[in-house]
Amino acid sequence: MAWSNETYLIGEKVKVEGEKGFGVITRIDLPRGLVYVLFRRMREEAYPYPEAFEQGKLKCEVVHKK
């Protein structure tokens, strides 16, 4: 995957609607339109990208954009 504006999200904490704790974005698959979030106990879920952010399903806690 080429570095682009989306890569600053990788490694950031996100709050997922309907989940208790926080997750961490592990990768973004642009051709498929998916963002993968890793939760505790090594559970990884895929969400549609960028619709999940636009609909408020994922709320990112970006500290700073590089």
C-alpha atoms as a PDB file:
ATOM      1  CA  MET A   1       0.000   0.000   0.000  1.00  0.00           C
ATOM      2  CA  ALA A   2       1.361   3.398  -0.927  1.00  0.00           C
ATOM      3  CA  TRP A   3       1.696   6.021   1.781  1.00  0.00           C
ATOM      4  CA  SER A   4      -1.088   8.541   1.580  1.00  0.00           C
ATOM      5  CA  ASN A   5      -3.164  10.796   3.773  1.00  0.00           C
ATOM      6  CA  GLU A   6      -5.007   7.828   5.283  1.00  0.00           C
ATOM      7  CA  THR A   7      -1.928   6.192   6.799  1.00  0.00           C
ATOM      8  CA  TYR A   8      -1.805   8.579   9.766  1.00  0.00           C
ATOM      9  CA  LEU A   9      -4.828   6.674  11.136  1.00  0.00           C
ATOM     10  CA  ILE A  10      -2.877   3.408  11.487  1.00  0.00           C
ATOM     11  CA  GLY A  11      -2.024   2.811  15.132  1.00  0.00           C
ATOM     12  CA  GLU A  12      -4.605   5.279  16.459  1.00  0.00           C
ATOM     13  CA  LYS A  13      -7.189   4.399  19.116  1.00  0.00           C
ATOM     14  CA  VAL A  14     -10.821   4.358  18.025  1.00  0.00           C
ATOM     15  CA  LYS A  15     -14.075   4.078  19.908  1.00  0.00           C
ATOM     16  CA  VAL A  16     -16.452   1.695  18.132  1.00  0.00           C
ATOM     17  CA  GLU A  17     -20.202   2.033  18.480  1.00  0.00           C
ATOM     18  CA  GLY A  18     -21.590  -0.918  20.442  1.00  0.00           C
ATOM     19  CA  GLU A  19     -18.229  -2.012  21.899  1.00  0.00           C
ATOM     20  CA  LYS A  20     -17.139  -1.609  25.527  1.00  0.00           C
ATOM     21  CA  GLY A  21     -13.513  -0.643  25.120  1.00  0.00           C
ATOM     22  CA  PHE A  22     -11.272   0.962  22.579  1.00  0.00           C
ATOM     23  CA  GLY A  23      -9.710  -0.617  19.502  1.00  0.00           C
ATOM     24  CA  VAL A  24      -6.621   0.163  17.446  1.00  0.00           C
ATOM     25  CA  ILE A  25      -6.588   0.596  13.676  1.00  0.00           C
ATOM     26  CA  THR A  26      -4.161  -1.974  12.272  1.00  0.00           C
ATOM     27  CA  ARG A  27      -4.519  -1.501   8.514  1.00  0.00           C
ATOM     28  CA  ILE A  28      -6.554   0.181   5.801  1.00  0.00           C
ATOM     29  CA  ASP A  29      -7.358  -1.734   2.615  1.00  0.00           C
ATOM     30  CA  LEU A  30      -8.254   0.984   0.098  1.00  0.00           C
ATOM     31  CA  PRO A  31      -9.030  -1.283  -2.912  1.00  0.00           C
ATOM     32  CA  ARG A  32     -11.587  -3.243  -0.870  1.00  0.00           C
ATOM     33  CA  GLY A  33     -12.764  -0.217   1.109  1.00  0.00           C
ATOM     34  CA  LEU A  34     -12.114  -1.709   4.572  1.00  0.00           C
ATOM     35  CA  VAL A  35     -10.495  -0.553   7.775  1.00  0.00           C
ATOM     36  CA  TYR A  36      -9.400  -3.196  10.302  1.00  0.00           C
ATOM     37  CA  VAL A  37      -9.677  -2.600  14.042  1.00  0.00           C
ATOM     38  CA  LEU A  38      -7.923  -4.796  16.618  1.00  0.00           C
ATOM     39  CA  PHE A  39      -9.594  -5.249  20.007  1.00  0.00           C
ATOM     40  CA  ARG A  40      -8.487  -6.910  23.213  1.00  0.00           C
ATOM     41  CA  ARG A  41      -7.798 -10.626  23.076  1.00  0.00           C
ATOM     42  CA  MET A  42      -6.549 -10.254  19.488  1.00  0.00           C
ATOM     43  CA  ARG A  43     -10.015  -9.956  17.911  1.00  0.00           C
ATOM     44  CA  GLU A  44      -9.894  -8.085  14.613  1.00  0.00           C
ATOM     45  CA  GLU A  45     -12.987  -6.658  12.904  1.00  0.00           C
ATOM     46  CA  ALA A  46     -13.371  -5.086   9.462  1.00  0.00           C
ATOM     47  CA  TYR A  47     -15.484  -1.982   8.879  1.00  0.00           C
ATOM     48  CA  PRO A  48     -16.340  -0.165   5.638  1.00  0.00           C
ATOM     49  CA  TYR A  49     -13.993   2.717   4.900  1.00  0.00           C
ATOM     50  CA  PRO A  50     -14.715   5.684   4.924  1.00  0.00           C
ATOM     51  CA  GLU A  51     -18.442   5.101   5.601  1.00  0.00           C
ATOM     52  CA  ALA A  52     -17.829   3.907   9.174  1.00  0.00           C
ATOM     53  CA  PHE A  53     -16.204   7.252  10.055  1.00  0.00           C
ATOM     54  CA  GLU A  54     -18.814   9.320   8.221  1.00  0.00           C
ATOM     55  CA  GLN A  55     -21.742   7.523   9.904  1.00  0.00           C
ATOM     56  CA  GLY A  56     -20.170   7.822  13.359  1.00  0.00           C
ATOM     57  CA  LYS A  57     -19.684   4.085  13.848  1.00  0.00           C
ATOM     58  CA  LEU A  58     -15.942   4.690  14.421  1.00  0.00           C
ATOM     59  CA  LYS A  59     -14.720   7.704  16.369  1.00  0.00           C
ATOM     60  CA  CYS A  60     -10.993   8.264  16.079  1.00  0.00           C
ATOM     61  CA  GLU A  61      -8.881   9.884  18.767  1.00  0.00           C
ATOM     62  CA  VAL A  62      -6.172  11.330  16.516  1.00  0.00           C
ATOM     63  CA  VAL A  63      -3.563  13.022  18.641  1.00  0.00           C
ATOM     64  CA  HIS A  64      -1.870  14.772  15.725  1.00  0.00           C
ATOM     65  CA  LYS A  65      -1.680  14.485  11.971  1.00  0.00           C
ATOM     66  CA  LYS A  66       1.848  14.110  10.632  1.00  0.00           C
END
